[in-house]
Structure formats: C-alpha cells, structure tokens
Protein backbone atom coordinates (compact mmCIF):
# COMPACT_ATOMS: atom_id res chain seq x y z
CA MET A 1 -13.07 -16.93 -65.66
CA THR A 2 -12.84 -20.71 -65.40
CA VAL A 3 -10.65 -23.64 -66.46
CA GLN A 4 -12.01 -26.89 -67.90
CA ILE A 5 -10.47 -29.92 -66.20
CA ARG A 6 -10.92 -33.65 -65.81
CA ALA A 7 -11.34 -34.95 -62.29
CA ALA A 8 -12.28 -38.10 -60.39
CA VAL A 9 -15.41 -37.42 -58.33
CA ALA A 10 -16.52 -39.35 -55.24
CA ARG A 11 -20.32 -39.28 -55.26
CA GLU A 12 -21.40 -42.12 -52.97
CA ALA A 13 -19.68 -43.76 -50.00
CA GLY A 14 -18.31 -47.17 -50.94
CA ALA A 15 -18.56 -46.54 -54.70
CA ASP A 16 -15.91 -46.15 -57.38
CA LEU A 17 -14.88 -42.69 -58.52
CA ASP A 18 -16.33 -41.14 -61.68
CA ILE A 19 -13.93 -39.37 -64.03
CA GLN A 20 -15.68 -36.43 -65.67
CA ASP A 21 -15.26 -32.92 -66.99
CA LEU A 22 -15.56 -30.14 -64.41
CA THR A 23 -15.20 -26.38 -64.34
CA LEU A 24 -12.52 -24.99 -62.01
CA GLU A 25 -12.43 -21.35 -61.00
CA THR A 26 -9.27 -19.40 -61.79
CA PRO A 27 -7.17 -18.58 -58.73
CA ARG A 28 -8.21 -15.91 -56.28
CA GLU A 29 -5.60 -13.40 -55.11
CA ASP A 30 -4.15 -15.85 -52.56
CA GLU A 31 -4.46 -19.06 -54.63
CA ILE A 32 -2.21 -20.98 -57.03
CA LEU A 33 -3.32 -22.91 -60.12
CA VAL A 34 -1.25 -26.07 -60.53
CA ARG A 35 -1.29 -28.39 -63.53
CA ILE A 36 -1.08 -31.78 -61.86
CA VAL A 37 1.56 -34.05 -63.36
CA ALA A 38 0.94 -36.94 -60.98
CA THR A 39 -0.61 -37.60 -57.59
CA GLY A 40 -0.32 -40.34 -55.01
CA VAL A 41 -3.19 -42.42 -53.71
CA CYS A 42 -3.27 -42.36 -49.89
CA HIS A 43 -5.30 -44.39 -47.40
CA THR A 44 -6.86 -41.14 -46.19
CA ASP A 45 -8.51 -40.82 -49.61
CA LEU A 46 -9.76 -44.38 -49.25
CA ALA A 47 -11.12 -43.68 -45.76
CA VAL A 48 -13.20 -40.78 -47.13
CA MET A 49 -14.46 -42.95 -49.99
CA ALA A 50 -15.53 -45.60 -47.48
CA GLY A 51 -17.50 -43.03 -45.48
CA HIS A 52 -15.24 -43.16 -42.40
CA LEU A 53 -14.60 -39.41 -42.39
CA PRO A 54 -17.17 -36.60 -42.59
CA THR A 55 -15.96 -35.04 -45.84
CA PRO A 56 -19.03 -33.94 -47.81
CA LEU A 57 -19.94 -35.51 -51.14
CA PRO A 58 -19.70 -35.09 -54.07
CA VAL A 59 -16.01 -34.27 -53.74
CA VAL A 60 -12.74 -34.45 -55.63
CA LEU A 61 -10.19 -36.08 -53.34
CA GLY A 62 -6.42 -36.41 -53.75
CA HIS A 63 -3.83 -34.79 -51.49
CA GLU A 64 -0.42 -35.88 -52.76
CA GLY A 65 -0.22 -33.72 -55.86
CA ALA A 66 2.90 -32.80 -57.82
CA GLY A 67 2.86 -30.48 -60.78
CA ILE A 68 3.70 -27.23 -62.51
CA VAL A 69 2.43 -23.82 -61.45
CA GLU A 70 0.35 -22.29 -64.26
CA ALA A 71 -1.00 -19.12 -62.62
CA VAL A 72 -0.89 -17.31 -59.29
CA GLY A 73 -3.07 -14.76 -57.55
CA ASP A 74 -1.90 -11.17 -57.07
CA LYS A 75 -0.85 -11.71 -53.45
CA VAL A 76 1.21 -14.86 -54.09
CA THR A 77 5.00 -14.40 -53.87
CA LYS A 78 6.25 -17.87 -52.93
CA VAL A 79 6.08 -19.43 -56.39
CA ALA A 80 5.70 -18.32 -60.00
CA PRO A 81 4.35 -19.86 -63.20
CA GLY A 82 6.66 -22.62 -64.41
CA ASP A 83 7.80 -23.70 -60.92
CA SER A 84 7.70 -27.39 -60.02
CA VAL A 85 5.82 -27.98 -56.79
CA VAL A 86 4.60 -30.64 -54.41
CA ILE A 87 1.29 -29.88 -52.68
CA THR A 88 1.07 -30.91 -49.04
CA TYR A 89 -1.43 -30.41 -46.19
CA ASN A 90 -3.02 -27.03 -45.56
CA THR A 91 -2.85 -24.86 -42.41
CA CYS A 92 -4.16 -21.52 -41.18
CA GLY A 93 -0.81 -19.84 -40.42
CA THR A 94 -2.10 -17.82 -37.46
CA CYS A 95 -3.01 -20.22 -34.62
CA PRO A 96 -0.62 -20.93 -31.70
CA SER A 97 0.66 -24.14 -33.32
CA CYS A 98 1.37 -22.45 -36.65
CA ARG A 99 3.11 -19.57 -34.86
CA ASP A 100 5.25 -22.16 -33.06
CA GLU A 101 6.10 -23.77 -36.42
CA ALA A 102 4.19 -26.89 -35.40
CA MET A 103 1.98 -26.68 -38.45
CA SER A 104 0.80 -30.29 -38.43
CA TYR A 105 -1.06 -29.50 -35.21
CA CYS A 106 -2.78 -26.45 -36.66
CA TYR A 107 -5.91 -25.64 -34.66
CA GLU A 108 -7.80 -25.64 -37.97
CA PHE A 109 -6.18 -28.77 -39.40
CA PHE A 110 -9.45 -30.68 -39.74
CA PRO A 111 -11.55 -27.97 -41.43
CA ARG A 112 -8.67 -26.82 -43.65
CA ASN A 113 -8.05 -30.35 -44.91
CA PHE A 114 -11.20 -32.45 -44.58
CA PHE A 115 -14.14 -30.06 -45.01
CA ALA A 116 -13.43 -29.72 -48.78
CA THR A 117 -14.27 -26.02 -48.98
CA ARG A 118 -12.31 -22.81 -48.83
CA ALA A 119 -12.07 -21.15 -45.41
CA ASP A 120 -15.07 -19.00 -46.33
CA GLY A 121 -17.16 -22.08 -47.13
CA SER A 122 -17.08 -21.70 -50.92
CA VAL A 123 -16.04 -24.34 -53.47
CA SER A 124 -14.16 -23.91 -56.73
CA LEU A 125 -15.48 -26.85 -58.74
CA ARG A 126 -18.74 -27.32 -60.62
CA ASP A 127 -20.35 -29.77 -62.99
CA ALA A 128 -23.54 -29.49 -65.00
CA SER A 129 -25.60 -30.26 -61.91
CA GLY A 130 -24.01 -27.78 -59.54
CA GLU A 131 -21.23 -27.54 -56.98
CA VAL A 132 -18.63 -30.25 -56.36
CA HIS A 133 -16.66 -30.02 -53.12
CA SER A 134 -13.04 -29.01 -53.61
CA ASN A 135 -10.00 -27.86 -51.64
CA PHE A 136 -9.56 -31.29 -50.01
CA PHE A 137 -6.25 -30.89 -48.14
CA GLY A 138 -6.03 -27.51 -49.83
CA GLN A 139 -5.82 -29.09 -53.31
CA SER A 140 -8.18 -31.89 -54.53
CA SER A 141 -5.47 -33.30 -56.79
CA PHE A 142 -7.34 -36.26 -58.30
CA ALA A 143 -7.63 -33.93 -61.26
CA THR A 144 -5.69 -32.49 -64.15
CA HIS A 145 -5.55 -29.11 -62.36
CA ALA A 146 -5.92 -27.99 -58.74
CA LEU A 147 -6.07 -24.78 -56.76
CA ALA A 148 -3.56 -24.65 -53.89
CA HIS A 149 -2.25 -22.08 -51.42
CA GLU A 150 1.08 -20.54 -50.48
CA ARG A 151 1.11 -22.44 -47.20
CA ASN A 152 0.80 -25.86 -48.81
CA VAL A 153 2.90 -25.63 -51.98
CA VAL A 154 6.55 -26.63 -51.77
CA LYS A 155 8.91 -25.75 -54.59
CA VAL A 156 11.10 -28.72 -55.59
CA ASP A 157 14.07 -29.17 -57.88
CA ALA A 158 12.53 -31.82 -60.11
CA SER A 159 10.97 -32.24 -63.53
CA GLY A 160 9.65 -34.96 -65.82
CA ASP A 161 9.67 -38.45 -64.36
CA ASP A 162 11.34 -37.23 -61.18
CA LEU A 163 8.55 -34.75 -60.50
CA ALA A 164 5.96 -37.47 -61.11
CA LEU A 165 7.52 -39.40 -58.21
CA MET A 166 7.36 -36.57 -55.72
CA GLY A 167 3.66 -36.37 -54.83
CA PRO A 168 3.70 -39.00 -52.05
CA LEU A 169 6.32 -36.93 -50.24
CA ALA A 170 3.43 -34.57 -49.46
CA CYS A 171 1.69 -36.96 -47.05
CA GLY A 172 2.31 -40.70 -46.70
CA ILE A 173 6.05 -40.73 -47.20
CA GLN A 174 6.71 -37.61 -45.13
CA THR A 175 4.43 -38.96 -42.39
CA GLY A 176 6.44 -42.16 -41.94
CA ALA A 177 9.86 -40.58 -42.36
CA GLY A 178 8.99 -37.45 -40.40
CA THR A 179 7.73 -39.41 -37.41
CA VAL A 180 11.08 -41.17 -37.15
CA ILE A 181 13.23 -38.09 -37.75
CA ASN A 182 11.16 -35.23 -36.30
CA ALA A 183 8.78 -36.67 -33.70
CA LEU A 184 10.52 -39.74 -32.26
CA GLN A 185 13.98 -38.36 -33.08
CA VAL A 186 15.44 -41.87 -33.32
CA GLN A 187 19.05 -41.81 -32.15
CA PRO A 188 22.02 -43.67 -33.68
CA GLY A 189 22.52 -47.18 -32.40
CA ARG A 190 19.07 -47.40 -30.78
CA SER A 191 16.37 -49.94 -31.62
CA PHE A 192 13.20 -49.22 -33.59
CA VAL A 193 10.14 -51.29 -34.48
CA VAL A 194 7.33 -50.41 -36.88
CA PHE A 195 3.99 -52.20 -37.01
CA GLY A 196 2.67 -52.18 -40.56
CA ALA A 197 4.90 -52.26 -43.63
CA GLY A 198 2.85 -50.26 -46.10
CA SER A 199 4.15 -47.08 -47.65
CA VAL A 200 4.16 -45.21 -44.31
CA GLY A 201 5.83 -48.03 -42.40
CA LEU A 202 8.43 -48.67 -45.08
CA SER A 203 9.20 -44.95 -45.22
CA ALA A 204 9.81 -45.19 -41.48
CA VAL A 205 12.19 -48.11 -42.05
CA MET A 206 14.19 -46.05 -44.56
CA ALA A 207 14.25 -43.09 -42.18
CA ALA A 208 15.44 -45.27 -39.30
CA LYS A 209 18.31 -46.36 -41.51
CA VAL A 210 19.05 -42.71 -42.34
CA GLN A 211 19.15 -42.08 -38.58
CA ASP A 212 21.64 -44.97 -38.13
CA ALA A 213 19.38 -46.97 -35.84
CA GLY A 214 21.08 -50.14 -34.67
CA THR A 215 18.18 -52.59 -34.77
CA ILE A 216 15.29 -51.96 -37.18
CA ILE A 217 12.31 -54.32 -36.99
CA ALA A 218 9.29 -54.44 -39.30
CA VAL A 219 6.10 -56.31 -38.36
CA ASP A 220 3.46 -57.11 -40.98
CA LEU A 221 1.16 -59.90 -42.15
CA HIS A 222 2.46 -59.89 -45.74
CA ASP A 223 5.75 -61.68 -46.38
CA ALA A 224 6.34 -59.70 -49.60
CA ARG A 225 6.24 -56.45 -47.66
CA LEU A 226 8.53 -57.86 -45.02
CA ALA A 227 10.97 -58.79 -47.79
CA MET A 228 10.78 -55.19 -49.02
CA ALA A 229 11.45 -53.99 -45.48
CA ARG A 230 14.61 -56.12 -45.45
CA GLU A 231 15.70 -54.62 -48.74
CA LEU A 232 15.16 -51.09 -47.43
CA GLY A 233 17.11 -51.51 -44.19
CA ALA A 234 15.23 -53.65 -41.66
CA THR A 235 17.59 -55.88 -39.68
CA HIS A 236 14.74 -58.10 -38.47
CA VAL A 237 11.23 -58.87 -39.76
CA ILE A 238 8.36 -60.55 -37.94
CA ASN A 239 5.14 -61.90 -39.40
CA ALA A 240 2.34 -60.38 -37.35
CA GLY A 241 0.44 -63.68 -37.47
CA ALA A 242 3.18 -65.47 -35.54
CA GLU A 243 2.96 -66.20 -31.84
CA ASN A 244 4.77 -64.14 -29.24
CA VAL A 245 5.39 -61.08 -31.43
CA VAL A 246 6.22 -58.94 -28.39
CA GLU A 247 8.63 -61.54 -27.05
CA GLN A 248 10.35 -61.78 -30.43
CA ILE A 249 10.85 -58.02 -30.44
CA LYS A 250 12.26 -58.06 -26.92
CA GLU A 251 14.62 -60.87 -27.85
CA ALA A 252 15.85 -59.07 -30.98
CA THR A 253 16.42 -55.83 -29.08
CA GLY A 254 17.83 -57.22 -25.85
CA GLY A 255 14.90 -56.27 -23.64
CA GLY A 256 12.62 -54.05 -25.70
CA ALA A 257 12.67 -51.43 -28.43
CA ASN A 258 13.70 -47.87 -27.68
CA TYR A 259 11.21 -46.56 -30.24
CA ALA A 260 8.00 -48.02 -31.66
CA LEU A 261 5.64 -46.86 -34.39
CA ASP A 262 2.13 -48.05 -35.19
CA THR A 263 0.75 -47.37 -38.67
CA THR A 264 -2.30 -49.65 -38.41
CA GLY A 265 -4.59 -47.72 -36.07
CA LEU A 266 -5.67 -51.04 -34.54
CA PRO A 267 -5.94 -50.85 -30.71
CA PRO A 268 -4.55 -54.39 -30.09
CA VAL A 269 -1.53 -53.60 -32.27
CA ILE A 270 -0.95 -50.30 -30.50
CA ARG A 271 -0.95 -52.20 -27.21
CA GLN A 272 1.68 -54.54 -28.65
CA ALA A 273 3.80 -51.53 -29.57
CA VAL A 274 3.68 -50.26 -25.99
CA GLU A 275 4.38 -53.69 -24.50
CA ALA A 276 7.33 -54.26 -26.87
CA MET A 277 9.19 -51.15 -25.68
CA ALA A 278 12.06 -50.97 -23.25
CA PRO A 279 11.75 -48.76 -20.14
CA ARG A 280 11.67 -45.08 -21.18
CA GLY A 281 10.69 -46.16 -24.68
CA LYS A 282 8.69 -43.84 -26.91
CA ALA A 283 5.88 -44.98 -29.20
CA ALA A 284 4.03 -43.01 -31.88
CA VAL A 285 0.60 -43.72 -33.33
CA LEU A 286 -0.02 -42.75 -36.96
CA GLY A 287 -2.83 -45.01 -38.02
CA ALA A 288 -6.33 -43.53 -37.71
CA PRO A 289 -8.56 -45.80 -35.58
CA LEU A 290 -12.21 -46.14 -36.45
CA PRO A 291 -14.45 -43.68 -34.59
CA GLY A 292 -15.11 -44.85 -31.04
CA SER A 293 -11.98 -46.99 -30.81
CA GLU A 294 -10.19 -47.05 -27.46
CA ILE A 295 -6.60 -47.95 -26.63
CA SER A 296 -5.89 -49.90 -23.45
CA VAL A 297 -2.49 -50.49 -21.85
CA ASP A 298 -1.26 -52.12 -18.68
CA ASN A 299 -1.32 -49.06 -16.43
CA THR A 300 1.20 -50.41 -13.94
CA ASP A 301 3.74 -51.26 -16.63
CA PHE A 302 3.12 -48.03 -18.54
CA MET A 303 3.55 -45.81 -15.49
CA SER A 304 6.39 -47.65 -13.77
CA THR A 305 8.59 -47.88 -16.87
CA GLY A 306 8.33 -44.25 -17.98
CA LYS A 307 7.05 -45.14 -21.43
CA THR A 308 5.59 -42.50 -23.76
CA LEU A 309 2.69 -42.97 -26.19
CA MET A 310 2.09 -40.07 -28.55
CA GLY A 311 -0.08 -39.27 -31.54
CA VAL A 312 1.67 -37.79 -34.57
CA VAL A 313 0.21 -35.94 -37.56
CA GLU A 314 2.05 -35.63 -40.90
CA GLY A 315 5.33 -36.62 -39.26
CA GLU A 316 5.49 -33.25 -37.48
CA SER A 317 6.93 -32.03 -40.77
CA ASP A 318 7.32 -28.51 -42.10
CA GLY A 319 6.89 -29.28 -45.77
CA ASP A 320 8.97 -26.30 -46.92
CA THR A 321 12.08 -27.76 -45.32
CA PHE A 322 11.36 -31.47 -44.88
CA ILE A 323 10.16 -32.35 -48.38
CA PRO A 324 13.30 -30.88 -50.03
CA LYS A 325 15.35 -32.79 -47.45
CA LEU A 326 13.71 -36.06 -48.52
CA VAL A 327 14.33 -35.19 -52.17
CA GLU A 328 18.03 -34.66 -51.45
CA LEU A 329 18.25 -37.93 -49.50
CA TRP A 330 16.59 -39.70 -52.46
CA LYS A 331 19.01 -38.14 -54.94
CA ALA A 332 21.89 -39.28 -52.72
CA GLY A 333 20.59 -42.87 -52.77
CA LYS A 334 19.80 -42.83 -49.04
CA PHE A 335 16.01 -42.80 -49.24
CA PRO A 336 14.89 -44.99 -52.17
CA PHE A 337 11.15 -44.42 -51.83
CA ASP A 338 10.77 -44.98 -55.57
CA LYS A 339 10.95 -48.72 -54.82
CA LEU A 340 7.50 -48.45 -53.22
CA VAL A 341 5.82 -46.94 -56.27
CA THR A 342 3.53 -48.37 -58.94
CA PHE A 343 2.39 -45.95 -61.66
CA TYR A 344 -1.12 -45.94 -63.13
CA ALA A 345 -2.75 -43.85 -65.84
CA PHE A 346 -5.32 -41.42 -64.44
CA ASP A 347 -8.11 -43.38 -66.16
CA GLU A 348 -7.02 -46.40 -64.08
CA ILE A 349 -7.70 -44.64 -60.78
CA ASN A 350 -10.22 -47.19 -59.54
CA LYS A 351 -7.83 -50.04 -60.33
CA ALA A 352 -5.09 -48.20 -58.42
CA ILE A 353 -7.42 -47.84 -55.44
CA HIS A 354 -8.42 -51.49 -55.54
CA ASP A 355 -4.76 -52.56 -55.82
CA SER A 356 -3.97 -50.40 -52.78
CA HIS A 357 -6.81 -52.04 -50.84
CA ASP A 358 -5.66 -55.58 -51.53
CA GLY A 359 -1.94 -54.92 -51.15
CA THR A 360 -1.01 -55.39 -54.81
CA ALA A 361 0.45 -51.87 -54.85
CA ILE A 362 2.29 -50.34 -51.90
CA LYS A 363 2.12 -46.75 -53.14
CA PRO A 364 0.08 -46.10 -56.30
CA ILE A 365 0.79 -42.91 -58.22
CA LEU A 366 -1.56 -41.61 -60.93
CA ARG A 367 -0.05 -39.97 -64.00
CA MET A 368 -2.38 -37.37 -65.45
CA THR A 369 -1.02 -37.76 -69.01
C-alpha cells in the first residue's frame, strides 16, 4: 500500500526545490508514518542543495519535522497513532557510541542521516519517473508526510500552534543549546562567547543564560542579530567587522573567555575563538567547514595554556530527554526560541530558503497547511 503526499524535491544542485505529488510507502514493521504539521529549514538542508554534501539527488530534504503519528509498524512500541512528535537525527542503536548513550557520535551517523536511503539501501518515495531518495535524517520532512523510526521520534506535550514551533528543536536549536549545556557544560558565573548569531548561536546565548553564565558575548556581522542576542541574554555584543575582536573579548571577560563556540565553520573565526579564550578555556566547533578546510592555531599558546578545541554534533543531545527539557524551559519562559521564528506556507519553501540565505529570517518554519 502507498500514501499520496506533496513534497519539495531537490533535483539539481544550486536549483530551487520543486513541489510535486509523490507516492510514499506505508510504514514497515519498524517505521512510523507521521503527518507533518510543520518543519524547520536548517543550513544543513541548504548545504545539500548547494552540492556541498554527497547526498544523492533527486531527494526530499527536511530534518526538523514536527507532526502527528498516523500509523506505526508492528514492532513499534514507543509511540501510537495520535501522538505529537518531533523528529530528530537518526542513529543505529548498536554501535559503541549508541551503547554509551552518545548517540550524536553514532558510528553510522553519516549514512543514517545523509545517504537518503533506508539502512538496506531502499527508498520509500517515488514519482512518475521512478525513485526519489528519502529517509534524509531518518525522515525527509519537506513533505506533508514522512516515515520515521523509533530512535528518532520524540513524543512531546504540544499541539496546534505550539507543535508547529517544535520542529527546530530537532536539530538547529538543540545543537546550539545542547553544546552549551551538554558538551561545554558552561558553569554559573563563567564567561562565554559565541561566534555567529544565527539560530544556532542565539540558541547558545539563551542556553548560556539558562546556565547562569556571568558574561555572555555574541559576535556577528549583522547588527540586527546582535540586537536580538542582547534581547535574549547577551551581556556584550561585538560586530565581527570591527578591529581587535579578540582583544575586545579579553577586555570584556577580564583576560579571556572560559568557553567559546563557533557556529560559522570558518577557519579564521575558529582561530579567533581559540585565541579569545582564557587559559584552560574550552572551545566547541559546530559549523561545518567546506571540504578540505584546515584549522590552524598558535601551537605554543594552545599547548602552554591548556586550551581545548572540540567538535560537537547535535549538541551531544539525547533527543528523548533533551528536547522535552527545552520544551519545558520554553513553557517556563526561560528559553524563548519562538522569537527566532518566521513562519512560511509550504508553497513558499523557496522564499523561506532564500530569506534564510540572506539573513531576512533567522529560523524559517514551513507550515504544511
């Protein structure tokens, strides 16, 4: 049996998406059919569209889905039809990282999320011409319906407009917040700086405030985003185009930041993050550099000051526990990520993507209806 859906298909690198009718298989015994209510647009989707990642085309992208479970396979016990869910990244569940509950470092993270097929190599979507790659991040949620898995659905206490907000918690928002809370483990009273004030960086600012950081600094080229960072809890903001950015950070923190976070993936900015830290400081890199990029640091300074530079995936978050935590913080008024959001109709997906590219929208969310 099959389900008729509407989906946005990426057919050529660098081109807009085509919205069209597709046929989606009904769920296998270990799969979950979700009616997508809304889904976020993430820069990872844009990177695939630009041809920077080896995801095969044609493909339905989208990996920040939120919706209602419509059907489940015979082996599924985690959720039932009618449940509200957020769909996050997919993992294998059996590798050493998954067994250690470090799912974001799953040994199969790349094939499970970027190869856009099931683990057995099959796809679940078709058009009149043949197969369309699916299962991107275990979902492909730029569509009215998606097939997901027990390991990447998270049941949430939300409905209606609230549920429509929740999709970005699956990736971008949890990545920024999780890096601060889970990976860097920012301590009360300590200083924190984030380079890049997009949705990931601003989520990190909110999380640093949740963690009671003493000094919170945001660095970005866009004054409007710096103003938003102020509103969300930054104590200092610095325009990245100014001179002596590192010196300004050291002055604001009394010698250097205890924690630093790069969301840009740009090697010169990552070097600034390392240089701006105090001795024994810890820096995390979230932004994905272009293939072949290399990061250079002053080896003497890096070694002699005991600094740490680490890569982080998905905020080191276990979606089953961390996404509900973010929902509760939002309900309590302590994590107002809704201020980052601009809603678009599904038919406006290419406008949403263009607005994300040029900075008009910090975090676009597509409503399916």
